[in-house]
N, C-alpha and C. Protein backbone atom coordinates (compact mmCIF):
# COMPACT_ATOMS: atom_id res chain seq x y z
N MET A 1 16.45 -13.85 -4.15
CA MET A 1 15.55 -13.45 -3.06
C MET A 1 14.70 -12.14 -3.19
N LYS A 2 13.45 -12.50 -3.16
CA LYS A 2 12.50 -11.39 -3.31
C LYS A 2 11.64 -11.25 -2.20
N ASP A 3 11.87 -11.66 -1.17
CA ASP A 3 10.69 -11.69 0.41
C ASP A 3 11.85 -10.80 0.90
N VAL A 4 11.23 -9.61 1.05
CA VAL A 4 11.49 -8.31 2.06
C VAL A 4 11.90 -9.08 3.99
N ASP A 5 10.91 -9.78 4.24
CA ASP A 5 11.43 -10.74 5.48
C ASP A 5 12.23 -11.43 5.50
N ARG A 6 12.17 -12.35 4.65
CA ARG A 6 13.70 -13.52 4.68
C ARG A 6 14.78 -12.49 4.24
N LEU A 7 14.75 -11.47 3.08
CA LEU A 7 15.87 -10.74 3.33
C LEU A 7 16.72 -9.93 4.55
N LEU A 8 15.51 -9.45 5.59
CA LEU A 8 16.06 -8.99 6.38
C LEU A 8 16.50 -9.80 7.38
N ALA A 9 15.92 -10.91 7.47
CA ALA A 9 16.33 -12.08 8.43
C ALA A 9 17.69 -12.46 8.46
N VAL A 10 18.09 -12.40 6.94
CA VAL A 10 19.38 -12.91 6.58
C VAL A 10 20.24 -11.65 7.11
N ILE A 11 20.10 -10.95 6.59
CA ILE A 11 21.30 -9.60 6.58
C ILE A 11 21.30 -8.88 7.86
N ASN A 12 20.50 -9.35 8.67
CA ASN A 12 20.44 -8.61 10.18
C ASN A 12 21.52 -8.94 11.00
N ASN A 13 22.30 -10.10 10.76
CA ASN A 13 23.57 -10.32 11.17
C ASN A 13 24.72 -9.65 10.96
N PRO A 14 25.63 -8.61 11.77
CA PRO A 14 26.44 -7.65 11.34
C PRO A 14 27.90 -8.39 10.90
N THR A 15 28.00 -9.69 11.17
CA THR A 15 29.04 -10.75 10.40
C THR A 15 28.85 -11.08 8.96
N ARG A 16 27.25 -11.42 8.64
CA ARG A 16 26.83 -11.61 7.76
C ARG A 16 27.10 -10.52 6.57
N ARG A 17 26.76 -9.38 7.32
CA ARG A 17 26.75 -7.97 6.35
C ARG A 17 28.27 -7.81 6.20
N ARG A 18 29.14 -8.12 7.20
CA ARG A 18 30.52 -7.93 6.39
C ARG A 18 31.05 -8.84 5.36
N ILE A 19 30.77 -10.02 5.82
CA ILE A 19 30.86 -10.81 4.77
C ILE A 19 30.69 -10.74 3.33
N MET A 20 29.18 -10.29 3.03
CA MET A 20 28.93 -9.52 2.00
C MET A 20 29.65 -8.62 1.49
N GLU A 21 30.06 -7.60 2.38
CA GLU A 21 30.76 -6.34 2.08
C GLU A 21 32.16 -6.79 1.11
N ALA A 22 32.69 -7.86 1.80
CA ALA A 22 33.93 -8.70 1.35
C ALA A 22 33.59 -9.17 -0.17
N LEU A 23 32.63 -10.02 -0.10
CA LEU A 23 32.09 -10.55 -1.54
C LEU A 23 32.12 -10.02 -2.43
N VAL A 24 31.12 -8.59 -2.20
CA VAL A 24 30.80 -8.18 -3.46
C VAL A 24 32.34 -7.33 -4.05
N ARG A 25 33.25 -7.33 -3.43
CA ARG A 25 34.57 -6.65 -4.15
C ARG A 25 35.42 -7.78 -4.86
N GLU A 26 35.28 -9.20 -4.46
CA GLU A 26 36.16 -10.02 -4.93
C GLU A 26 35.53 -11.66 -4.50
N PRO A 27 35.97 -12.56 -5.15
CA PRO A 27 35.68 -13.98 -4.65
C PRO A 27 36.63 -14.13 -3.12
N HIS A 28 36.45 -14.91 -2.36
CA HIS A 28 36.82 -15.22 -0.84
C HIS A 28 36.54 -16.41 -0.85
N TYR A 29 37.54 -17.63 -0.04
CA TYR A 29 37.24 -18.65 0.39
C TYR A 29 36.92 -18.73 1.83
N SER A 30 36.63 -19.27 2.89
CA SER A 30 36.26 -19.63 4.15
C SER A 30 37.43 -18.84 5.07
N LEU A 31 38.86 -19.41 4.86
CA LEU A 31 39.82 -19.33 5.51
C LEU A 31 39.99 -17.68 5.27
N GLN A 32 40.01 -17.04 4.20
CA GLN A 32 40.34 -15.66 3.92
C GLN A 32 39.24 -14.65 4.97
N LEU A 33 38.24 -15.40 4.78
CA LEU A 33 37.29 -14.47 5.57
C LEU A 33 37.43 -14.74 7.09
N ALA A 34 37.83 -15.69 7.30
CA ALA A 34 37.84 -16.06 9.24
C ALA A 34 38.93 -15.03 9.34
N LYS A 35 40.02 -15.13 8.38
CA LYS A 35 41.52 -14.17 8.99
C LYS A 35 40.98 -12.92 8.94
N GLU A 36 40.29 -12.07 7.71
CA GLU A 36 40.10 -11.09 7.49
C GLU A 36 39.05 -10.41 8.63
N LEU A 37 38.25 -11.18 8.75
CA LEU A 37 36.66 -10.54 9.48
C LEU A 37 37.57 -11.37 11.50
N ARG A 38 38.10 -11.68 11.66
CA ARG A 38 38.32 -12.26 12.65
C ARG A 38 37.76 -12.87 13.50
N VAL A 39 36.93 -13.62 12.89
CA VAL A 39 35.84 -14.38 13.29
C VAL A 39 36.41 -16.08 13.01
N SER A 40 35.92 -17.00 13.81
CA SER A 40 36.27 -18.43 13.33
C SER A 40 36.05 -18.82 12.44
N GLN A 41 37.08 -19.75 11.90
CA GLN A 41 36.19 -20.36 10.27
C GLN A 41 34.91 -21.21 10.54
N PRO A 42 34.54 -22.11 11.58
CA PRO A 42 33.23 -22.70 11.42
C PRO A 42 32.23 -21.46 11.48
N ALA A 43 32.18 -20.74 12.23
CA ALA A 43 31.36 -19.78 12.22
C ALA A 43 31.06 -18.47 10.90
N ILE A 44 32.01 -18.73 9.88
CA ILE A 44 31.93 -18.05 8.92
C ILE A 44 31.58 -19.20 7.76
N ILE A 45 31.84 -20.52 7.84
CA ILE A 45 31.02 -21.45 6.99
C ILE A 45 29.60 -21.24 7.52
N LYS A 46 29.24 -21.64 8.75
CA LYS A 46 28.08 -21.37 8.79
C LYS A 46 27.15 -20.12 8.21
N HIS A 47 27.77 -18.93 8.39
CA HIS A 47 27.19 -17.64 7.93
C HIS A 47 26.88 -18.24 6.36
N LEU A 48 28.22 -18.31 5.66
CA LEU A 48 28.27 -18.73 4.16
C LEU A 48 27.08 -19.47 3.75
N ASN A 49 26.91 -20.68 4.47
CA ASN A 49 25.90 -21.59 4.22
C ASN A 49 24.65 -20.89 4.50
N THR A 50 24.08 -20.07 5.14
CA THR A 50 22.79 -19.10 5.32
C THR A 50 22.70 -18.39 4.47
N LEU A 51 23.65 -17.78 3.80
CA LEU A 51 24.03 -16.72 2.37
C LEU A 51 23.55 -17.77 1.44
N GLU A 52 24.62 -18.50 1.18
CA GLU A 52 23.96 -19.60 -0.03
C GLU A 52 22.49 -20.24 -0.13
N GLU A 53 22.02 -20.65 0.82
CA GLU A 53 20.58 -21.07 1.28
C GLU A 53 19.82 -19.96 0.79
N SER A 54 20.10 -18.80 1.19
CA SER A 54 19.18 -17.69 1.09
C SER A 54 19.37 -17.24 -0.85
N GLY A 55 20.57 -17.59 -1.29
CA GLY A 55 20.45 -17.32 -2.69
C GLY A 55 21.01 -15.90 -3.14
N LEU A 56 21.74 -15.43 -1.90
CA LEU A 56 22.73 -14.34 -1.99
C LEU A 56 24.20 -14.66 -2.54
N VAL A 57 24.60 -15.47 -2.01
CA VAL A 57 25.90 -16.08 -2.76
C VAL A 57 25.74 -17.29 -3.11
N SER A 58 27.12 -17.64 -4.26
CA SER A 58 27.35 -19.10 -4.45
C SER A 58 28.47 -19.58 -4.28
N SER A 59 28.90 -20.47 -4.79
CA SER A 59 30.06 -20.97 -4.65
C SER A 59 30.51 -21.92 -5.76
N TYR A 60 31.68 -21.94 -5.90
CA TYR A 60 32.67 -22.97 -6.71
C TYR A 60 33.73 -23.36 -6.38
N ALA A 61 34.39 -24.51 -6.58
CA ALA A 61 35.58 -25.43 -6.39
C ALA A 61 36.56 -24.61 -7.13
N GLN A 62 37.55 -24.22 -6.67
CA GLN A 62 38.90 -23.57 -7.34
C GLN A 62 40.01 -24.61 -6.84
N SER A 63 40.85 -24.80 -8.15
CA SER A 63 42.20 -25.87 -7.71
C SER A 63 43.06 -24.48 -7.10
N SER A 64 44.03 -25.10 -6.50
CA SER A 64 45.01 -24.50 -5.51
C SER A 64 46.35 -25.13 -5.85
N ASP A 65 47.40 -24.43 -6.07
CA ASP A 65 48.77 -24.94 -6.09
C ASP A 65 49.36 -25.16 -4.84
N ARG A 66 49.08 -24.57 -3.74
CA ARG A 66 49.36 -25.07 -2.24
C ARG A 66 48.64 -25.69 -1.78
N GLY A 67 47.55 -26.75 -2.32
CA GLY A 67 47.08 -27.99 -1.59
C GLY A 67 45.74 -28.07 -2.38
N PRO A 68 44.93 -28.81 -1.70
CA PRO A 68 43.17 -28.97 -2.66
C PRO A 68 42.74 -28.35 -2.73
N GLU A 69 41.63 -28.27 -3.49
CA GLU A 69 40.91 -27.29 -3.98
C GLU A 69 40.19 -26.59 -2.74
N ARG A 70 40.27 -25.63 -3.33
CA ARG A 70 39.43 -24.77 -2.43
C ARG A 70 37.88 -23.87 -2.86
N LYS A 71 37.10 -23.81 -1.91
CA LYS A 71 35.67 -23.64 -2.05
C LYS A 71 35.63 -22.17 -1.88
N GLN A 72 35.49 -21.56 -3.46
CA GLN A 72 35.34 -19.89 -3.29
C GLN A 72 33.64 -19.67 -3.23
N TYR A 73 33.46 -18.55 -2.59
CA TYR A 73 32.38 -17.86 -2.82
C TYR A 73 32.27 -16.31 -3.60
N VAL A 74 30.94 -16.25 -4.09
CA VAL A 74 30.75 -14.80 -4.95
C VAL A 74 29.31 -14.62 -4.84
N THR A 75 29.32 -13.47 -4.75
CA THR A 75 27.72 -12.73 -4.54
C THR A 75 27.03 -13.16 -5.62
N SER A 76 25.52 -13.46 -5.65
CA SER A 76 24.72 -14.17 -6.77
C SER A 76 23.31 -13.34 -6.92
N SER A 77 23.46 -12.31 -6.32
CA SER A 77 22.36 -11.51 -6.20
C SER A 77 22.75 -10.07 -6.03
N GLU A 78 21.53 -9.46 -6.81
CA GLU A 78 21.71 -7.82 -6.83
C GLU A 78 20.38 -7.18 -6.38
N PHE A 79 20.30 -6.42 -5.71
CA PHE A 79 19.16 -5.62 -5.40
C PHE A 79 19.35 -4.22 -4.42
N THR A 80 18.37 -3.59 -4.37
CA THR A 80 18.39 -2.36 -3.59
C THR A 80 17.55 -2.37 -2.44
N LEU A 81 17.60 -2.67 -1.21
CA LEU A 81 16.63 -2.43 -0.28
C LEU A 81 16.46 -0.99 0.57
N VAL A 82 14.84 -0.42 0.29
CA VAL A 82 14.63 0.89 0.62
C VAL A 82 13.70 0.53 1.59
N VAL A 83 13.92 1.40 3.07
CA VAL A 83 13.34 1.36 4.06
C VAL A 83 12.86 2.53 4.68
N ASP A 84 11.50 3.05 4.54
CA ASP A 84 11.42 4.50 4.98
C ASP A 84 9.89 4.20 6.29
N MET A 85 10.51 4.97 7.14
CA MET A 85 9.84 5.48 8.58
C MET A 85 9.48 6.61 8.58
N ARG A 86 8.45 6.84 8.42
CA ARG A 86 8.06 8.33 8.74
C ARG A 86 6.76 8.16 9.57
N ASP A 87 6.34 9.56 10.12
CA ASP A 87 5.26 10.01 10.57
C ASP A 87 4.14 9.33 9.88
N GLY A 88 3.36 8.41 10.24
CA GLY A 88 2.12 7.84 9.23
C GLY A 88 2.71 6.91 8.26
N MET A 89 3.60 6.35 8.19
CA MET A 89 4.36 5.97 7.06
C MET A 89 5.48 4.58 7.42
N PHE A 90 5.16 3.44 6.92
CA PHE A 90 6.22 2.35 7.13
C PHE A 90 6.23 2.00 5.64
N SER A 91 7.24 1.43 5.49
CA SER A 91 7.62 1.22 3.55
C SER A 91 9.07 0.23 3.36
N ALA A 92 8.96 -0.87 2.97
CA ALA A 92 10.11 -1.69 2.94
C ALA A 92 10.14 -2.27 1.60
N ARG A 93 11.15 -1.88 0.64
CA ARG A 93 10.38 -2.27 -0.79
C ARG A 93 12.08 -2.83 -1.24
N LEU A 94 12.04 -3.80 -1.89
CA LEU A 94 13.03 -4.28 -2.81
C LEU A 94 13.16 -4.17 -4.23
N MET A 95 14.33 -3.46 -4.73
CA MET A 95 14.00 -3.06 -5.90
C MET A 95 15.21 -3.67 -6.63
N ALA A 96 15.00 -4.20 -7.90
CA ALA A 96 16.34 -5.35 -8.80
C ALA A 96 16.93 -4.43 -9.48
N PRO A 97 17.87 -4.33 -10.05
CA PRO A 97 18.43 -3.60 -10.78
C PRO A 97 18.34 -4.00 -12.37
N LYS A 98 18.98 -3.30 -13.33
CA LYS A 98 18.50 -3.76 -14.79
C LYS A 98 18.93 -5.26 -14.68
N VAL A 99 18.04 -5.77 -15.99
CA VAL A 99 18.42 -7.45 -16.28
C VAL A 99 19.95 -7.38 -16.54
N VAL A 100 20.93 -8.72 -15.65
CA VAL A 100 22.13 -8.10 -15.84
C VAL A 100 22.86 -8.67 -17.38
N GLU A 101 21.90 -8.69 -18.19
CA GLU A 101 22.77 -9.10 -19.63
C GLU A 101 22.93 -8.04 -20.02
N GLU A 102 21.58 -6.99 -20.02
CA GLU A 102 21.66 -5.69 -20.85
C GLU A 102 22.77 -4.98 -20.22
N ARG A 103 22.76 -5.05 -18.78
CA ARG A 103 23.92 -4.57 -18.30
C ARG A 103 25.50 -4.74 -18.57
N GLU A 104 25.59 -5.63 -18.86
CA GLU A 104 27.06 -6.58 -19.00
C GLU A 104 26.97 -5.90 -20.44
N LYS A 105 26.40 -6.12 -21.63
CA LYS A 105 26.49 -5.50 -22.55
C LYS A 105 26.91 -4.39 -23.06
N LYS A 106 26.08 -3.21 -21.79
CA LYS A 106 26.61 -1.65 -21.78
C LYS A 106 27.62 -1.39 -20.95
N GLU A 107 28.33 -2.12 -20.24
CA GLU A 107 29.53 -2.33 -19.68
C GLU A 107 30.58 -2.69 -20.42
N LYS A 108 30.46 -3.66 -21.58
CA LYS A 108 31.37 -3.75 -22.44
C LYS A 108 31.53 -2.54 -23.54
N LYS A 109 30.74 -1.99 -23.99
CA LYS A 109 30.48 -1.17 -24.75
C LYS A 109 31.33 -0.10 -24.32
N GLU A 110 30.85 0.34 -22.69
CA GLU A 110 31.57 1.52 -22.20
C GLU A 110 32.92 1.51 -22.06
N LYS A 111 33.52 -0.01 -21.71
CA LYS A 111 34.81 -0.01 -21.26
C LYS A 111 35.76 0.03 -22.37
N LYS A 112 34.96 0.18 -23.80
CA LYS A 112 35.91 0.67 -25.18
C LYS A 112 36.00 2.07 -24.98
N GLN A 113 35.11 2.89 -24.20
CA GLN A 113 34.96 4.08 -24.48
C GLN A 113 35.62 4.73 -23.07
N ARG A 114 36.14 4.15 -22.20
CA ARG A 114 36.74 4.59 -20.90
C ARG A 114 38.02 4.65 -20.92
N ARG A 115 38.59 6.04 -20.74
CA ARG A 115 40.15 5.85 -20.53
C ARG A 115 40.33 6.89 -19.53
N PHE A 116 41.27 6.47 -18.54
CA PHE A 116 41.34 7.38 -17.43
C PHE A 116 43.04 7.50 -17.60
N ASN A 117 43.21 8.81 -16.98
CA ASN A 117 44.89 8.83 -17.00
C ASN A 117 45.48 8.25 -15.72
N ASP A 118 44.89 8.16 -14.75
CA ASP A 118 45.17 7.40 -13.72
C ASP A 118 43.99 7.02 -12.45
N ILE A 119 44.58 6.20 -11.40
CA ILE A 119 43.05 6.18 -10.49
C ILE A 119 42.85 7.28 -9.85
N MET A 120 43.55 8.13 -9.82
CA MET A 120 42.57 9.48 -9.05
C MET A 120 41.91 10.33 -9.71
N GLU A 121 42.18 9.93 -11.30
CA GLU A 121 40.96 10.47 -12.32
C GLU A 121 39.62 9.87 -11.98
N ALA A 122 39.83 8.02 -11.90
CA ALA A 122 38.58 7.65 -11.97
C ALA A 122 37.73 7.55 -10.36
N ARG A 123 38.47 7.85 -9.52
CA ARG A 123 38.22 8.23 -8.15
C ARG A 123 37.60 9.63 -7.93
N ASN A 124 37.75 10.37 -8.66
CA ASN A 124 37.14 11.73 -8.93
C ASN A 124 35.72 11.67 -9.31
N LEU A 125 35.56 10.73 -10.44
CA LEU A 125 34.42 10.86 -11.04
C LEU A 125 33.52 9.61 -10.56
N VAL A 126 34.10 8.65 -9.67
CA VAL A 126 33.31 8.13 -8.67
C VAL A 126 32.63 9.06 -7.73
N ALA A 127 33.44 9.97 -7.09
CA ALA A 127 32.75 11.22 -6.49
C ALA A 127 31.91 11.90 -6.68
N LEU A 128 32.24 12.38 -8.07
CA LEU A 128 30.68 13.21 -8.84
C LEU A 128 29.83 12.18 -8.51
N ILE A 129 29.60 11.15 -9.13
CA ILE A 129 28.49 10.01 -8.98
C ILE A 129 27.73 10.24 -7.89
N ASP A 130 28.69 9.75 -6.79
CA ASP A 130 28.22 9.72 -5.15
C ASP A 130 27.60 11.03 -4.94
N ASP A 131 28.12 12.24 -5.55
CA ASP A 131 27.09 13.40 -5.12
C ASP A 131 26.00 13.52 -5.84
N GLU A 132 25.92 12.75 -6.96
CA GLU A 132 24.87 13.05 -7.78
C GLU A 132 23.83 11.88 -7.17
N ILE A 133 24.00 10.62 -6.83
CA ILE A 133 23.68 9.84 -5.86
C ILE A 133 22.61 10.75 -4.76
N GLU A 134 23.55 11.29 -4.07
CA GLU A 134 23.06 11.96 -2.77
C GLU A 134 22.11 13.17 -3.19
N GLU A 135 22.54 13.74 -4.50
CA GLU A 135 21.30 14.70 -4.30
C GLU A 135 20.09 14.02 -4.78
N LEU A 136 20.20 12.83 -5.47
CA LEU A 136 18.73 12.43 -5.62
C LEU A 136 18.45 12.04 -4.42
N GLU A 137 19.00 11.29 -3.73
CA GLU A 137 18.27 10.75 -2.53
C GLU A 137 17.74 12.04 -1.77
N ARG A 138 18.14 13.30 -1.51
CA ARG A 138 17.82 14.34 -1.08
C ARG A 138 16.52 14.48 -1.57
N LYS A 139 16.07 14.79 -2.85
CA LYS A 139 15.02 14.89 -3.69
C LYS A 139 14.28 13.84 -3.32
N ARG A 140 14.44 12.73 -3.15
CA ARG A 140 13.69 11.73 -2.77
C ARG A 140 12.64 11.48 -1.41
N SER A 141 13.76 12.27 -0.39
CA SER A 141 13.31 12.55 0.89
C SER A 141 12.57 13.68 0.97
N GLU A 142 12.63 14.53 0.19
CA GLU A 142 11.36 15.63 -0.10
C GLU A 142 10.22 15.22 -0.73
N MET A 143 9.88 14.42 -1.36
CA MET A 143 8.90 13.70 -2.08
C MET A 143 8.53 13.21 -0.92
N VAL A 144 8.97 11.96 -0.46
CA VAL A 144 8.43 11.56 0.62
C VAL A 144 7.63 11.98 1.82
N ASP A 145 8.37 13.29 1.82
CA ASP A 145 7.88 14.07 3.02
C ASP A 145 6.22 14.72 2.28
N ARG A 146 6.48 15.20 1.12
CA ARG A 146 5.38 15.98 0.76
C ARG A 146 4.25 14.41 0.66
N ARG A 147 4.54 13.01 0.37
CA ARG A 147 3.51 12.22 -0.04
C ARG A 147 3.03 12.03 1.63
N ARG A 148 3.61 11.92 2.66
CA ARG A 148 3.37 12.26 3.88
C ARG A 148 2.50 13.10 4.06
N GLU A 149 2.67 14.73 4.08
CA GLU A 149 1.79 15.90 4.03
C GLU A 149 0.49 15.24 3.46
N ILE A 150 0.61 14.89 2.20
CA ILE A 150 -0.87 14.78 0.98
C ILE A 150 -1.75 13.59 2.08
N ILE A 151 -1.14 12.59 2.37
CA ILE A 151 -1.85 11.41 3.10
C ILE A 151 -2.22 12.16 4.12
N SER A 152 -1.64 12.89 5.23
CA SER A 152 -2.13 13.71 6.68
C SER A 152 -3.13 14.56 6.24
N ALA A 153 -3.16 15.04 5.39
CA ALA A 153 -4.38 15.87 4.85
C ALA A 153 -5.61 15.24 4.92
N ALA A 154 -5.30 14.03 3.96
CA ALA A 154 -6.29 13.07 3.34
C ALA A 154 -7.25 12.87 4.53
N TYR A 155 -6.20 12.24 5.56
CA TYR A 155 -6.72 11.54 7.25
C TYR A 155 -7.50 12.86 7.61
N SER A 156 -7.28 13.83 7.78
CA SER A 156 -8.06 14.93 8.42
C SER A 156 -9.37 15.28 7.84
N LEU A 157 -9.72 14.79 6.61
CA LEU A 157 -11.04 15.07 5.93
C LEU A 157 -11.89 14.05 6.57
N THR A 158 -11.77 13.37 7.10
CA THR A 158 -12.60 11.87 7.57
C THR A 158 -12.67 12.74 9.35
N ASP A 159 -13.53 12.25 9.99
CA ASP A 159 -13.57 12.19 11.29
C ASP A 159 -13.88 11.04 11.99
N LEU A 160 -13.22 9.62 11.88
CA LEU A 160 -13.46 8.21 12.14
C LEU A 160 -12.86 8.25 13.80
N ASP A 161 -13.87 7.82 14.72
CA ASP A 161 -13.17 7.81 16.03
C ASP A 161 -13.08 6.22 16.07
N ASP A 162 -12.81 5.90 17.46
CA ASP A 162 -12.32 4.24 17.55
C ASP A 162 -13.02 3.53 17.48
N GLU A 163 -14.51 3.66 17.50
CA GLU A 163 -15.65 2.65 16.74
C GLU A 163 -15.03 2.34 15.40
N HIS A 164 -14.48 3.22 14.78
CA HIS A 164 -14.74 2.69 13.34
C HIS A 164 -13.40 2.49 12.75
N TYR A 165 -12.68 1.73 13.49
CA TYR A 165 -11.46 0.89 13.31
C TYR A 165 -11.00 -0.15 11.95
N ARG A 166 -12.11 -0.16 11.53
CA ARG A 166 -11.88 -1.06 10.16
C ARG A 166 -12.30 -0.06 8.90
N ALA A 167 -12.69 1.00 9.06
CA ALA A 167 -12.88 2.39 8.03
C ALA A 167 -11.63 2.88 8.06
N ARG A 168 -10.81 2.87 9.31
CA ARG A 168 -9.67 3.59 9.70
C ARG A 168 -8.59 2.70 8.51
N ALA A 169 -8.57 1.27 8.56
CA ALA A 169 -7.78 0.44 8.36
C ALA A 169 -7.60 0.60 7.03
N LEU A 170 -9.06 0.46 6.22
CA LEU A 170 -9.40 0.59 4.79
C LEU A 170 -8.51 1.96 4.29
N MET A 171 -8.64 3.13 5.15
CA MET A 171 -8.54 4.60 4.64
C MET A 171 -6.82 4.44 4.59
N TYR A 172 -6.02 3.86 6.04
CA TYR A 172 -4.75 3.72 5.39
C TYR A 172 -4.18 3.07 4.30
N GLU A 173 -5.18 2.16 4.14
CA GLU A 173 -4.35 0.87 3.24
C GLU A 173 -4.61 1.67 1.58
N MET A 174 -5.60 2.17 1.59
CA MET A 174 -5.97 3.01 0.36
C MET A 174 -4.86 3.99 0.14
N MET A 175 -4.33 5.07 1.02
CA MET A 175 -3.58 5.88 0.86
C MET A 175 -2.22 5.19 1.23
N ASP A 176 -1.92 4.27 1.58
CA ASP A 176 -0.17 3.92 1.63
C ASP A 176 0.11 2.87 -0.04
N ASN A 177 -1.21 2.22 -0.18
CA ASN A 177 -1.13 1.65 -1.39
C ASN A 177 -1.99 2.05 -2.44
N PRO A 178 -2.00 3.04 -2.93
CA PRO A 178 -2.86 3.54 -3.79
C PRO A 178 -2.85 2.92 -5.50
N LYS A 179 -2.20 2.12 -5.97
CA LYS A 179 -2.54 1.52 -6.85
C LYS A 179 -2.97 0.06 -6.80
N LEU A 180 -3.82 -0.48 -5.52
CA LEU A 180 -4.01 -1.41 -5.55
C LEU A 180 -5.87 -1.50 -5.24
N THR A 181 -6.13 -2.77 -6.50
CA THR A 181 -7.54 -2.46 -6.41
C THR A 181 -8.29 -2.63 -5.16
N MET A 182 -9.43 -2.53 -5.47
CA MET A 182 -10.61 -2.64 -4.07
C MET A 182 -10.54 -4.15 -3.79
N GLU A 183 -10.66 -5.09 -4.40
CA GLU A 183 -9.91 -6.55 -4.31
C GLU A 183 -8.84 -7.20 -3.41
N GLU A 184 -7.83 -6.16 -4.30
CA GLU A 184 -6.39 -6.68 -3.57
C GLU A 184 -6.58 -5.96 -2.03
N MET A 185 -7.07 -4.73 -2.08
CA MET A 185 -7.06 -4.23 -0.55
C MET A 185 -7.82 -5.08 0.53
N ALA A 186 -8.98 -5.66 -0.16
CA ALA A 186 -9.68 -6.28 0.96
C ALA A 186 -9.25 -7.72 1.36
N ARG A 187 -8.48 -8.24 0.00
CA ARG A 187 -7.67 -9.50 0.53
C ARG A 187 -6.91 -9.11 1.74
N ARG A 188 -5.99 -7.87 1.40
CA ARG A 188 -4.48 -7.45 2.48
C ARG A 188 -5.56 -7.25 4.09
N LEU A 189 -6.77 -6.90 3.94
CA LEU A 189 -7.37 -6.75 5.09
C LEU A 189 -8.36 -7.46 5.55
N SER A 190 -8.32 -9.13 5.02
CA SER A 190 -8.91 -9.81 5.47
C SER A 190 -10.83 -9.53 5.20
N MET A 191 -11.02 -8.33 4.49
CA MET A 191 -12.50 -8.49 3.90
C MET A 191 -12.86 -9.06 2.81
N ASN A 192 -14.22 -8.92 2.40
CA ASN A 192 -14.73 -9.04 1.14
C ASN A 192 -14.90 -7.82 0.46
N SER A 193 -14.93 -7.68 -0.95
CA SER A 193 -14.54 -6.39 -1.45
C SER A 193 -16.33 -5.40 -1.34
N GLU A 194 -17.45 -6.19 -1.24
CA GLU A 194 -18.29 -5.64 -0.90
C GLU A 194 -18.21 -4.58 0.30
N GLU A 195 -17.70 -5.24 1.62
CA GLU A 195 -17.63 -4.49 2.90
C GLU A 195 -16.56 -3.62 2.65
N CYS A 196 -15.63 -3.43 1.72
CA CYS A 196 -14.59 -2.26 1.63
C CYS A 196 -15.52 -1.42 0.60
N SER A 197 -16.04 -1.72 -0.30
CA SER A 197 -16.99 -0.55 -0.88
C SER A 197 -18.07 0.14 0.09
N GLU A 198 -18.62 -0.57 0.80
CA GLU A 198 -19.40 0.07 1.59
C GLU A 198 -18.68 1.08 2.76
N LEU A 199 -17.85 -0.01 3.36
CA LEU A 199 -16.88 1.25 4.39
C LEU A 199 -16.44 2.67 3.47
N LEU A 200 -16.29 2.52 2.13
CA LEU A 200 -15.63 3.61 1.62
C LEU A 200 -16.59 4.35 1.25
N GLU A 201 -17.72 3.92 0.85
CA GLU A 201 -19.14 4.93 0.54
C GLU A 201 -19.74 5.57 1.61
N ASP A 202 -19.60 5.02 3.13
CA ASP A 202 -19.68 5.29 4.52
C ASP A 202 -18.58 6.69 4.26
N MET A 203 -17.23 6.16 4.29
CA MET A 203 -16.19 7.42 4.81
C MET A 203 -16.47 8.63 3.77
N MET A 204 -16.91 8.53 2.29
CA MET A 204 -16.94 9.48 1.52
C MET A 204 -18.17 10.44 2.07
N ASN A 205 -19.13 9.76 2.61
CA ASN A 205 -20.36 10.59 3.04
C ASN A 205 -20.35 11.27 4.27
N ALA A 206 -19.39 10.71 4.84
CA ALA A 206 -18.60 11.05 6.08
C ALA A 206 -18.03 12.48 5.93
N THR A 207 -17.27 12.13 5.29
CA THR A 207 -16.21 13.39 4.50
C THR A 207 -16.92 14.51 4.26
N VAL A 208 -18.02 14.15 3.36
CA VAL A 208 -19.17 15.43 3.01
C VAL A 208 -19.63 16.19 4.28
N GLN A 209 -20.21 15.21 5.06
CA GLN A 209 -20.74 15.75 6.46
C GLN A 209 -19.86 16.59 7.09
N TYR A 210 -18.75 15.94 7.54
CA TYR A 210 -17.89 16.72 8.20
C TYR A 210 -17.18 18.14 7.66
N GLU A 211 -16.88 18.30 6.34
CA GLU A 211 -16.59 19.47 5.59
C GLU A 211 -17.80 20.44 5.45
N ASN A 212 -19.40 19.96 5.48
CA ASN A 212 -20.49 20.71 5.91
C ASN A 212 -20.41 21.46 7.09
N ARG A 213 -19.96 20.63 8.14
CA ARG A 213 -20.34 20.93 9.49
C ARG A 213 -19.34 21.90 9.82
N LYS A 214 -17.73 21.95 9.05
CA LYS A 214 -16.86 23.00 9.50
C LYS A 214 -17.33 24.24 8.98
N LYS A 215 -18.03 24.26 7.73
CA LYS A 215 -18.55 25.45 6.85
C LYS A 215 -19.32 25.97 7.64
N GLU A 216 -20.10 25.31 8.48
CA GLU A 216 -21.37 25.98 8.95
C GLU A 216 -20.74 26.56 10.71
N VAL A 217 -19.51 25.78 11.07
CA VAL A 217 -18.94 26.48 12.26
C VAL A 217 -18.61 27.96 11.55
N ASN A 218 -17.74 27.68 10.91
CA ASN A 218 -17.25 29.16 10.27
C ASN A 218 -18.09 30.11 10.11
N HIS A 219 -18.97 29.70 9.13
CA HIS A 219 -20.07 30.57 8.80
C HIS A 219 -20.56 31.37 10.29
N ASN A 220 -20.63 30.66 11.02
CA ASN A 220 -21.48 30.88 12.23
C ASN A 220 -20.51 31.81 13.18
N GLY A 221 -19.32 31.11 12.90
CA GLY A 221 -18.42 32.00 13.95
C GLY A 221 -18.19 33.43 13.34
């Protein structure tokens, strides 16, 4: 699943999130999940069907010594979902991990090198990694704040009132998605590239005029 909207629609349900939390640890069948989560088995099956249709989980039949085959469920997708909501900034992005085959080769190689004296040593190593992740997240938050400051400063260079909504929309799009081409921004804004170019030129001229007025006011003051 690559679409953010579809993903959020699926994982917005707390029961489905609890199911995913169980499945990333080990395969489960529906009755196991019903007992563990204290939710009726029909409801669990309904949630599992939704997760399977979305591509987040898959299933397979497993024989059982205690009765008929059971349908086991496992996760079938990996991703990181990052949502930022700050003053003047909203972003929701899906990031995929490394290619599975490459990661599996690396893990097999690392398994030969890993040697733990006991479970607590492994637990302590995980804690150290968590500390590093936390530090990276702190640095990322600082960078997001810096990004917001730059965008805010760029907005202040223009003096666009309520009558210049489309120009402001272009300004927001330019700053929020700096890697988009003019044609791509035009499509996102339901404009044509010529209109976007004209609006941009007007904004650039307005910026120069705005700065000149500020200098004049400061000089006279």
